[in-house]
Amino acid sequence: MGLVAALTLAGCAELGAPRNGFLPSEPGLTDKTESIINHWSGAWVAALAVGVIVWGLTIWCIVAYRKRKNDNALPVQLRYHVPLELMYVVVPILMIGVLYFYSTQVTHELTDTSAEPDLTIQAYGKQWSWDFNYIDDGVFSEGGRVQLTGEEGVEETLPTLYLPVGETVEFIVDSRDVQHSFWIPAFLFKIDMIPGHTNVFQVTPQEEGHYQGKCAELCGEFHSEMLFNVEVVDRATYDAQMDALREAGNVGVRGEEYNRVYDQRGYLQDGTVNN
């Protein structure tokens, strides 16, 4: 019942019902989503097959070895059954090995940064908003905390990340304070933002549209409000947004000088602990 309730509630989530049966995305949304969907769908099919076999054997044992009327004798007790015990060990190892092999392949594809990117964007997570540095264009957008009051139009005031469709973007992700996680659910990928450590990944959006981003790491009191918008647009619209940032005076980058500082014990200068 708990699993059924969880799946039902997940289908009502703001991100929308899964379009492929499992994941809230489309195979061609980015250059990475198809491989992720294929991997997860295959894992679900394999898990269902294992479940059917286990359920079938369990039901068969219940029926075949049930206590029958007027049968008061104890069943035969076996101390060892070497072939069966070997199967219990070998089969799970093989299953985990196959899952590990394909998971490693997909993970390598997701984290591969060998391609020459068309542009580079640095994303900073901070309590409780986002800064985006458009490195190649020499401009930035700075986000402040937006209180989600439930009023119409509030989401339009969230920080917005602009991406040109069909172009490979290299993301450099950092944190200004505590640990965050950069997540665009529709892209089916998230990556940690760790203080003092830089992570990098590449992605090529392949469909224009409006998407949502959020922090996927519990980072403090207003973690649930740490959201941002993602606009995948054509190159002309992207350039116009860069010009708008330039005209607004957002020239250059907002770098490490805006980070909060830790002491040697791992405490922030304001006394809170780095999580």
C-alpha atoms as a PDB file:
ATOM      1  CA  MET A   1       0.000   0.000   0.000  1.00  0.00           C
ATOM      2  CA  GLY A   2       2.889   2.366   0.809  1.00  0.00           C
ATOM      3  CA  LEU A   3       4.454   1.781  -2.616  1.00  0.00           C
ATOM      4  CA  VAL A   4       1.132   2.364  -4.372  1.00  0.00           C
ATOM      5  CA  ALA A   5       0.578   5.594  -2.447  1.00  0.00           C
ATOM      6  CA  ALA A   6       4.095   6.820  -3.217  1.00  0.00           C
ATOM      7  CA  LEU A   7       3.712   6.160  -6.943  1.00  0.00           C
ATOM      8  CA  THR A   8       0.296   7.833  -6.987  1.00  0.00           C
ATOM      9  CA  LEU A   9       1.550  10.957  -5.218  1.00  0.00           C
ATOM     10  CA  ALA A  10       4.617  11.090  -7.448  1.00  0.00           C
ATOM     11  CA  GLY A  11       2.324  11.173 -10.471  1.00  0.00           C
ATOM     12  CA  CYS A  12       0.671  14.300  -9.067  1.00  0.00           C
ATOM     13  CA  ALA A  13       3.954  16.142  -8.541  1.00  0.00           C
ATOM     14  CA  GLU A  14       4.604  19.538 -10.006  1.00  0.00           C
ATOM     15  CA  LEU A  15       7.073  18.108 -12.480  1.00  0.00           C
ATOM     16  CA  GLY A  16       4.231  16.275 -14.195  1.00  0.00           C
ATOM     17  CA  ALA A  17       3.461  12.635 -14.833  1.00  0.00           C
ATOM     18  CA  PRO A  18       6.273  10.533 -16.286  1.00  0.00           C
ATOM     19  CA  ARG A  19       5.990  10.450 -20.068  1.00  0.00           C
ATOM     20  CA  ASN A  20       7.871   7.189 -20.541  1.00  0.00           C
ATOM     21  CA  GLY A  21       6.305   5.243 -17.694  1.00  0.00           C
ATOM     22  CA  PHE A  22       9.082   5.816 -15.172  1.00  0.00           C
ATOM     23  CA  LEU A  23      10.915   9.103 -15.641  1.00  0.00           C
ATOM     24  CA  PRO A  24       9.570  12.682 -16.097  1.00  0.00           C
ATOM     25  CA  SER A  25      11.469  13.420 -19.300  1.00  0.00           C
ATOM     26  CA  GLU A  26      11.775  12.625 -23.002  1.00  0.00           C
ATOM     27  CA  PRO A  27      14.545  10.643 -24.705  1.00  0.00           C
ATOM     28  CA  GLY A  28      15.653  13.587 -26.849  1.00  0.00           C
ATOM     29  CA  LEU A  29      15.459  16.374 -24.296  1.00  0.00           C
ATOM     30  CA  THR A  30      19.264  16.441 -23.982  1.00  0.00           C
ATOM     31  CA  ASP A  31      22.044  14.367 -25.513  1.00  0.00           C
ATOM     32  CA  LYS A  32      22.149  12.297 -22.283  1.00  0.00           C
ATOM     33  CA  THR A  33      18.504  11.586 -21.456  1.00  0.00           C
ATOM     34  CA  GLU A  34      18.015   8.674 -23.861  1.00  0.00           C
ATOM     35  CA  SER A  35      20.819   6.597 -22.348  1.00  0.00           C
ATOM     36  CA  ILE A  36      19.564   7.335 -18.823  1.00  0.00           C
ATOM     37  CA  ILE A  37      16.003   6.340 -19.696  1.00  0.00           C
ATOM     38  CA  ASN A  38      17.169   3.143 -21.408  1.00  0.00           C
ATOM     39  CA  HIS A  39      19.285   2.240 -18.388  1.00  0.00           C
ATOM     40  CA  TRP A  40      16.513   2.824 -15.860  1.00  0.00           C
ATOM     41  CA  SER A  41      13.882   1.107 -17.983  1.00  0.00           C
ATOM     42  CA  GLY A  42      16.148  -1.916 -18.350  1.00  0.00           C
ATOM     43  CA  ALA A  43      16.773  -1.953 -14.603  1.00  0.00           C
ATOM     44  CA  TRP A  44      13.030  -1.832 -13.927  1.00  0.00           C
ATOM     45  CA  VAL A  45      12.381  -4.720 -16.358  1.00  0.00           C
ATOM     46  CA  ALA A  46      15.139  -6.793 -14.759  1.00  0.00           C
ATOM     47  CA  ALA A  47      13.823  -6.021 -11.267  1.00  0.00           C
ATOM     48  CA  LEU A  48      10.293  -6.977 -12.307  1.00  0.00           C
ATOM     49  CA  ALA A  49      11.549 -10.257 -13.798  1.00  0.00           C
ATOM     50  CA  VAL A  50      13.390 -11.093 -10.582  1.00  0.00           C
ATOM     51  CA  GLY A  51      10.292 -10.169  -8.580  1.00  0.00           C
ATOM     52  CA  VAL A  52       8.061 -12.429 -10.678  1.00  0.00           C
ATOM     53  CA  ILE A  53      10.456 -15.356 -10.235  1.00  0.00           C
ATOM     54  CA  VAL A  54      10.724 -14.816  -6.474  1.00  0.00           C
ATOM     55  CA  TRP A  55       6.970 -14.385  -6.068  1.00  0.00           C
ATOM     56  CA  GLY A  56       6.340 -17.463  -8.222  1.00  0.00           C
ATOM     57  CA  LEU A  57       8.740 -19.650  -6.250  1.00  0.00           C
ATOM     58  CA  THR A  58       7.343 -18.369  -2.965  1.00  0.00           C
ATOM     59  CA  ILE A  59       3.744 -19.133  -3.972  1.00  0.00           C
ATOM     60  CA  TRP A  60       4.782 -22.532  -5.350  1.00  0.00           C
ATOM     61  CA  CYS A  61       6.481 -23.438  -2.053  1.00  0.00           C
ATOM     62  CA  ILE A  62       3.432 -22.317  -0.078  1.00  0.00           C
ATOM     63  CA  VAL A  63       1.130 -24.479  -2.205  1.00  0.00           C
ATOM     64  CA  ALA A  64       3.359 -27.518  -2.780  1.00  0.00           C
ATOM     65  CA  TYR A  65       4.604 -27.823   0.782  1.00  0.00           C
ATOM     66  CA  ARG A  66       1.521 -26.775   2.692  1.00  0.00           C
ATOM     67  CA  LYS A  67       0.407 -28.851   5.661  1.00  0.00           C
ATOM     68  CA  ARG A  68      -2.150 -31.327   4.521  1.00  0.00           C
ATOM     69  CA  LYS A  69      -5.061 -32.802   6.447  1.00  0.00           C
ATOM     70  CA  ASN A  70      -4.112 -35.643   8.800  1.00  0.00           C
ATOM     71  CA  ASP A  71      -0.416 -35.087   8.074  1.00  0.00           C
ATOM     72  CA  ASN A  72       1.135 -34.567  11.489  1.00  0.00           C
ATOM     73  CA  ALA A  73       4.685 -35.642  10.660  1.00  0.00           C
ATOM     74  CA  LEU A  74       7.501 -33.137  10.604  1.00  0.00           C
ATOM     75  CA  PRO A  75       8.915 -32.392   7.153  1.00  0.00           C
ATOM     76  CA  VAL A  76      12.309 -33.747   6.187  1.00  0.00           C
ATOM     77  CA  GLN A  77      15.061 -31.541   7.623  1.00  0.00           C
ATOM     78  CA  LEU A  78      18.101 -30.832   5.442  1.00  0.00           C
ATOM     79  CA  ARG A  79      21.241 -29.446   7.027  1.00  0.00           C
ATOM     80  CA  TYR A  80      22.977 -28.591   3.751  1.00  0.00           C
ATOM     81  CA  HIS A  81      21.966 -28.148   0.128  1.00  0.00           C
ATOM     82  CA  VAL A  82      25.190 -27.106  -1.583  1.00  0.00           C
ATOM     83  CA  PRO A  83      23.842 -26.481  -5.131  1.00  0.00           C
ATOM     84  CA  LEU A  84      21.026 -24.306  -3.795  1.00  0.00           C
ATOM     85  CA  GLU A  85      23.347 -22.383  -1.489  1.00  0.00           C
ATOM     86  CA  LEU A  86      25.801 -21.792  -4.338  1.00  0.00           C
ATOM     87  CA  MET A  87      22.953 -20.478  -6.463  1.00  0.00           C
ATOM     88  CA  TYR A  88      21.950 -18.059  -3.700  1.00  0.00           C
ATOM     89  CA  VAL A  89      25.492 -16.651  -3.764  1.00  0.00           C
ATOM     90  CA  VAL A  90      26.403 -16.749  -7.448  1.00  0.00           C
ATOM     91  CA  VAL A  91      23.174 -15.448  -8.987  1.00  0.00           C
ATOM     92  CA  PRO A  92      22.985 -12.223  -6.898  1.00  0.00           C
ATOM     93  CA  ILE A  93      26.674 -11.547  -7.604  1.00  0.00           C
ATOM     94  CA  LEU A  94      26.060 -11.908 -11.348  1.00  0.00           C
ATOM     95  CA  MET A  95      22.994  -9.650 -11.165  1.00  0.00           C
ATOM     96  CA  ILE A  96      24.866  -6.938  -9.272  1.00  0.00           C
ATOM     97  CA  GLY A  97      27.806  -7.276 -11.655  1.00  0.00           C
ATOM     98  CA  VAL A  98      25.621  -6.718 -14.727  1.00  0.00           C
ATOM     99  CA  LEU A  99      23.882  -3.727 -13.111  1.00  0.00           C
ATOM    100  CA  TYR A 100      27.262  -2.286 -12.105  1.00  0.00           C
ATOM    101  CA  PHE A 101      28.644  -2.706 -15.630  1.00  0.00           C
ATOM    102  CA  TYR A 102      25.810  -0.814 -17.315  1.00  0.00           C
ATOM    103  CA  SER A 103      25.586   1.784 -14.526  1.00  0.00           C
ATOM    104  CA  THR A 104      29.294   2.510 -14.950  1.00  0.00           C
ATOM    105  CA  GLN A 105      28.856   2.968 -18.697  1.00  0.00           C
ATOM    106  CA  VAL A 106      26.023   5.460 -18.272  1.00  0.00           C
ATOM    107  CA  THR A 107      27.798   7.305 -15.441  1.00  0.00           C
ATOM    108  CA  HIS A 108      30.917   7.668 -17.578  1.00  0.00           C
ATOM    109  CA  GLU A 109      28.819   9.134 -20.382  1.00  0.00           C
ATOM    110  CA  LEU A 110      27.162  11.599 -17.997  1.00  0.00           C
ATOM    111  CA  THR A 111      30.450  12.819 -16.533  1.00  0.00           C
ATOM    112  CA  ASP A 112      32.466  12.846 -19.771  1.00  0.00           C
ATOM    113  CA  THR A 113      33.858  16.347 -20.372  1.00  0.00           C
ATOM    114  CA  SER A 114      36.146  15.553 -23.307  1.00  0.00           C
ATOM    115  CA  ALA A 115      34.036  17.410 -25.889  1.00  0.00           C
ATOM    116  CA  GLU A 116      34.831  20.974 -26.863  1.00  0.00           C
ATOM    117  CA  PRO A 117      31.974  23.042 -25.346  1.00  0.00           C
ATOM    118  CA  ASP A 118      30.222  25.821 -27.225  1.00  0.00           C
ATOM    119  CA  LEU A 119      29.945  27.863 -24.044  1.00  0.00           C
ATOM    120  CA  THR A 120      30.776  27.672 -20.355  1.00  0.00           C
ATOM    121  CA  ILE A 121      28.496  28.582 -17.466  1.00  0.00           C
ATOM    122  CA  GLN A 122      29.505  28.660 -13.818  1.00  0.00           C
ATOM    123  CA  ALA A 123      26.715  27.958 -11.348  1.00  0.00           C
ATOM    124  CA  TYR A 124      27.103  28.942  -7.691  1.00  0.00           C
ATOM    125  CA  GLY A 125      24.734  27.558  -5.069  1.00  0.00           C
ATOM    126  CA  LYS A 126      24.201  29.641  -1.952  1.00  0.00           C
ATOM    127  CA  GLN A 127      21.747  29.790   0.918  1.00  0.00           C
ATOM    128  CA  TRP A 128      19.157  29.978  -0.614  1.00  0.00           C
ATOM    129  CA  SER A 129      19.500  30.998  -4.223  1.00  0.00           C
ATOM    130  CA  TRP A 130      21.772  30.861  -7.271  1.00  0.00           C
ATOM    131  CA  ASP A 131      24.364  32.907  -9.136  1.00  0.00           C
ATOM    132  CA  PHE A 132      25.094  32.160 -12.790  1.00  0.00           C
ATOM    133  CA  ASN A 133      28.262  33.351 -14.529  1.00  0.00           C
ATOM    134  CA  TYR A 134      28.080  33.247 -18.326  1.00  0.00           C
ATOM    135  CA  ILE A 135      31.833  32.994 -18.785  1.00  0.00           C
ATOM    136  CA  ASP A 136      32.056  33.381 -22.571  1.00  0.00           C
ATOM    137  CA  ASP A 137      29.693  36.348 -22.630  1.00  0.00           C
ATOM    138  CA  GLY A 138      31.310  38.087 -19.669  1.00  0.00           C
ATOM    139  CA  VAL A 139      28.051  38.642 -17.783  1.00  0.00           C
ATOM    140  CA  PHE A 140      26.334  37.234 -14.731  1.00  0.00           C
ATOM    141  CA  SER A 141      22.936  36.963 -13.091  1.00  0.00           C
ATOM    142  CA  GLU A 142      22.613  37.170  -9.319  1.00  0.00           C
ATOM    143  CA  GLY A 143      19.760  35.553  -7.463  1.00  0.00           C
ATOM    144  CA  GLY A 144      18.275  36.418  -4.103  1.00  0.00           C
ATOM    145  CA  ARG A 145      16.030  34.340  -1.903  1.00  0.00           C
ATOM    146  CA  VAL A 146      12.453  34.260  -3.199  1.00  0.00           C
ATOM    147  CA  GLN A 147       9.725  33.474  -0.673  1.00  0.00           C
ATOM    148  CA  LEU A 148       7.249  31.034  -2.158  1.00  0.00           C
ATOM    149  CA  THR A 149       4.027  32.572  -0.928  1.00  0.00           C
ATOM    150  CA  GLY A 150       1.786  30.624  -3.296  1.00  0.00           C
ATOM    151  CA  GLU A 151       0.708  33.790  -5.044  1.00  0.00           C
ATOM    152  CA  GLU A 152       0.425  33.717  -8.810  1.00  0.00           C
ATOM    153  CA  GLY A 153       3.541  34.913 -10.599  1.00  0.00           C
ATOM    154  CA  VAL A 154       5.996  34.351  -7.747  1.00  0.00           C
ATOM    155  CA  GLU A 155       7.837  31.680  -9.740  1.00  0.00           C
ATOM    156  CA  GLU A 156       8.623  34.276 -12.415  1.00  0.00           C
ATOM    157  CA  THR A 157      10.836  36.123  -9.917  1.00  0.00           C
ATOM    158  CA  LEU A 158      13.082  33.084  -9.391  1.00  0.00           C
ATOM    159  CA  PRO A 159      16.617  33.158 -10.836  1.00  0.00           C
ATOM    160  CA  THR A 160      16.581  32.110 -14.479  1.00  0.00           C
ATOM    161  CA  LEU A 161      19.252  30.117 -16.286  1.00  0.00           C
ATOM    162  CA  TYR A 162      19.317  30.596 -20.069  1.00  0.00           C
ATOM    163  CA  LEU A 163      20.671  27.872 -22.349  1.00  0.00           C
ATOM    164  CA  PRO A 164      20.934  27.932 -26.155  1.00  0.00           C
ATOM    165  CA  VAL A 165      19.308  24.917 -27.810  1.00  0.00           C
ATOM    166  CA  GLY A 166      21.552  22.510 -29.694  1.00  0.00           C
ATOM    167  CA  GLU A 167      24.793  23.816 -28.149  1.00  0.00           C
ATOM    168  CA  THR A 168      27.063  21.959 -25.758  1.00  0.00           C
ATOM    169  CA  VAL A 169      27.237  23.705 -22.395  1.00  0.00           C
ATOM    170  CA  GLU A 170      29.998  23.019 -19.901  1.00  0.00           C
ATOM    171  CA  PHE A 171      28.810  23.648 -16.350  1.00  0.00           C
ATOM    172  CA  ILE A 172      31.236  24.520 -13.587  1.00  0.00           C
ATOM    173  CA  VAL A 173      29.410  24.076 -10.283  1.00  0.00           C
ATOM    174  CA  ASP A 174      30.535  25.478  -6.928  1.00  0.00           C
ATOM    175  CA  SER A 175      29.082  26.355  -3.550  1.00  0.00           C
ATOM    176  CA  ARG A 176      29.399  29.649  -1.706  1.00  0.00           C
ATOM    177  CA  ASP A 177      28.654  28.245   1.748  1.00  0.00           C
ATOM    178  CA  VAL A 178      27.313  24.771   2.574  1.00  0.00           C
ATOM    179  CA  GLN A 179      26.809  21.714   0.396  1.00  0.00           C
ATOM    180  CA  HIS A 180      24.151  22.035  -2.302  1.00  0.00           C
ATOM    181  CA  SER A 181      23.209  19.960  -5.339  1.00  0.00           C
ATOM    182  CA  PHE A 182      22.535  21.321  -8.830  1.00  0.00           C
ATOM    183  CA  TRP A 183      19.515  19.538 -10.289  1.00  0.00           C
ATOM    184  CA  ILE A 184      17.404  20.063 -13.404  1.00  0.00           C
ATOM    185  CA  PRO A 185      14.944  17.155 -13.036  1.00  0.00           C
ATOM    186  CA  ALA A 186      13.906  17.138 -16.698  1.00  0.00           C
ATOM    187  CA  PHE A 187      17.566  16.593 -17.661  1.00  0.00           C
ATOM    188  CA  LEU A 188      17.673  13.503 -15.407  1.00  0.00           C
ATOM    189  CA  PHE A 189      20.982  14.529 -13.870  1.00  0.00           C
ATOM    190  CA  LYS A 190      22.190  16.219 -10.715  1.00  0.00           C
ATOM    191  CA  ILE A 191      25.611  16.923  -9.304  1.00  0.00           C
ATOM    192  CA  ASP A 192      26.914  17.941  -5.873  1.00  0.00           C
ATOM    193  CA  MET A 193      28.091  21.472  -5.152  1.00  0.00           C
ATOM    194  CA  ILE A 194      30.729  21.059  -2.441  1.00  0.00           C
ATOM    195  CA  PRO A 195      32.456  23.975  -0.676  1.00  0.00           C
ATOM    196  CA  GLY A 196      36.069  24.167  -1.781  1.00  0.00           C
ATOM    197  CA  HIS A 197      35.597  21.592  -4.552  1.00  0.00           C
ATOM    198  CA  THR A 198      34.620  22.251  -8.177  1.00  0.00           C
ATOM    199  CA  ASN A 199      32.588  19.763 -10.239  1.00  0.00           C
ATOM    200  CA  VAL A 200      32.205  19.908 -14.014  1.00  0.00           C
ATOM    201  CA  PHE A 201      29.790  18.326 -16.462  1.00  0.00           C
ATOM    202  CA  GLN A 202      28.588  18.897 -20.011  1.00  0.00           C
ATOM    203  CA  VAL A 203      25.129  18.727 -21.538  1.00  0.00           C
ATOM    204  CA  THR A 204      23.533  19.637 -24.866  1.00  0.00           C
ATOM    205  CA  PRO A 205      19.851  20.707 -24.597  1.00  0.00           C
ATOM    206  CA  GLN A 206      18.031  19.557 -27.717  1.00  0.00           C
ATOM    207  CA  GLU A 207      14.525  20.926 -27.210  1.00  0.00           C
ATOM    208  CA  GLU A 208      13.425  24.462 -26.497  1.00  0.00           C
ATOM    209  CA  GLY A 209      11.196  24.917 -23.495  1.00  0.00           C
ATOM    210  CA  HIS A 210      10.738  26.015 -19.905  1.00  0.00           C
ATOM    211  CA  TYR A 211      12.046  23.733 -17.185  1.00  0.00           C
ATOM    212  CA  GLN A 212      12.631  23.868 -13.446  1.00  0.00           C
ATOM    213  CA  GLY A 213      15.784  23.548 -11.413  1.00  0.00           C
ATOM    214  CA  LYS A 214      16.295  23.071  -7.706  1.00  0.00           C
ATOM    215  CA  CYS A 215      18.725  22.175  -4.968  1.00  0.00           C
ATOM    216  CA  ALA A 216      18.696  18.442  -4.222  1.00  0.00           C
ATOM    217  CA  GLU A 217      20.699  18.595  -0.982  1.00  0.00           C
ATOM    218  CA  LEU A 218      19.178  19.599   2.348  1.00  0.00           C
ATOM    219  CA  CYS A 219      21.039  22.862   2.911  1.00  0.00           C
ATOM    220  CA  GLY A 220      19.229  24.657   5.699  1.00  0.00           C
ATOM    221  CA  GLU A 221      15.976  26.237   6.763  1.00  0.00           C
ATOM    222  CA  PHE A 222      14.800  27.460   3.352  1.00  0.00           C
ATOM    223  CA  HIS A 223      16.127  24.603   1.227  1.00  0.00           C
ATOM    224  CA  SER A 224      12.654  24.038  -0.264  1.00  0.00           C
ATOM    225  CA  GLU A 225      12.678  27.571  -1.699  1.00  0.00           C
ATOM    226  CA  MET A 226      16.028  27.181  -3.453  1.00  0.00           C
ATOM    227  CA  LEU A 227      14.577  26.946  -6.961  1.00  0.00           C
ATOM    228  CA  PHE A 228      15.407  28.386 -10.357  1.00  0.00           C
ATOM    229  CA  ASN A 229      13.932  28.513 -13.827  1.00  0.00           C
ATOM    230  CA  VAL A 230      15.602  27.083 -16.917  1.00  0.00           C
ATOM    231  CA  GLU A 231      14.862  28.525 -20.354  1.00  0.00           C
ATOM    232  CA  VAL A 232      16.198  26.617 -23.348  1.00  0.00           C
ATOM    233  CA  VAL A 233      15.939  29.100 -26.220  1.00  0.00           C
ATOM    234  CA  ASP A 234      17.266  29.742 -29.716  1.00  0.00           C
ATOM    235  CA  ARG A 235      20.602  31.494 -30.123  1.00  0.00           C
ATOM    236  CA  ALA A 236      19.067  34.887 -30.971  1.00  0.00           C
ATOM    237  CA  THR A 237      16.957  34.880 -27.792  1.00  0.00           C
ATOM    238  CA  TYR A 238      19.957  33.757 -25.758  1.00  0.00           C
ATOM    239  CA  ASP A 239      22.092  36.587 -27.141  1.00  0.00           C
ATOM    240  CA  ALA A 240      19.309  39.078 -26.393  1.00  0.00           C
ATOM    241  CA  GLN A 241      19.235  37.926 -22.756  1.00  0.00           C
ATOM    242  CA  MET A 242      23.014  38.304 -22.520  1.00  0.00           C
ATOM    243  CA  ASP A 243      22.695  41.845 -23.907  1.00  0.00           C
ATOM    244  CA  ALA A 244      20.000  42.582 -21.332  1.00  0.00           C
ATOM    245  CA  LEU A 245      22.305  41.496 -18.508  1.00  0.00           C
ATOM    246  CA  ARG A 246      25.083  43.605 -19.974  1.00  0.00           C
ATOM    247  CA  GLU A 247      22.847  46.672 -20.200  1.00  0.00           C
ATOM    248  CA  ALA A 248      21.780  46.119 -16.590  1.00  0.00           C
ATOM    249  CA  GLY A 249      25.418  46.419 -15.528  1.00  0.00           C
ATOM    250  CA  ASN A 250      25.920  42.721 -14.738  1.00  0.00           C
ATOM    251  CA  VAL A 251      29.316  42.641 -16.411  1.00  0.00           C
ATOM    252  CA  GLY A 252      32.111  40.277 -15.367  1.00  0.00           C
ATOM    253  CA  VAL A 253      31.702  37.376 -12.945  1.00  0.00           C
ATOM    254  CA  ARG A 254      30.670  36.990  -9.356  1.00  0.00           C
ATOM    255  CA  GLY A 255      33.509  34.840  -8.107  1.00  0.00           C
ATOM    256  CA  GLU A 256      34.966  33.365  -4.941  1.00  0.00           C
ATOM    257  CA  GLU A 257      35.158  36.757  -3.241  1.00  0.00           C
ATOM    258  CA  TYR A 258      31.458  36.350  -2.410  1.00  0.00           C
ATOM    259  CA  ASN A 259      31.928  32.946  -0.773  1.00  0.00           C
ATOM    260  CA  ARG A 260      31.540  32.518   2.946  1.00  0.00           C
ATOM    261  CA  VAL A 261      34.787  31.554   4.684  1.00  0.00           C
ATOM    262  CA  TYR A 262      35.466  28.516   6.890  1.00  0.00           C
ATOM    263  CA  ASP A 263      37.955  28.234   9.700  1.00  0.00           C
ATOM    264  CA  GLN A 264      40.205  25.213  10.216  1.00  0.00           C
ATOM    265  CA  ARG A 265      37.539  23.382  12.209  1.00  0.00           C
ATOM    266  CA  GLY A 266      35.089  23.463   9.298  1.00  0.00           C
ATOM    267  CA  TYR A 267      32.910  26.200  10.796  1.00  0.00           C
ATOM    268  CA  LEU A 268      31.604  29.173   8.870  1.00  0.00           C
ATOM    269  CA  GLN A 269      32.614  32.577  10.136  1.00  0.00           C
ATOM    270  CA  ASP A 270      29.078  33.122  11.387  1.00  0.00           C
ATOM    271  CA  GLY A 271      29.430  30.064  13.650  1.00  0.00           C
ATOM    272  CA  THR A 272      27.311  27.556  11.737  1.00  0.00           C
ATOM    273  CA  VAL A 273      28.698  24.152  10.798  1.00  0.00           C
ATOM    274  CA  ASN A 274      29.558  23.270   7.203  1.00  0.00           C
ATOM    275  CA  ASN A 275      27.245  20.395   6.249  1.00  0.00           C
END
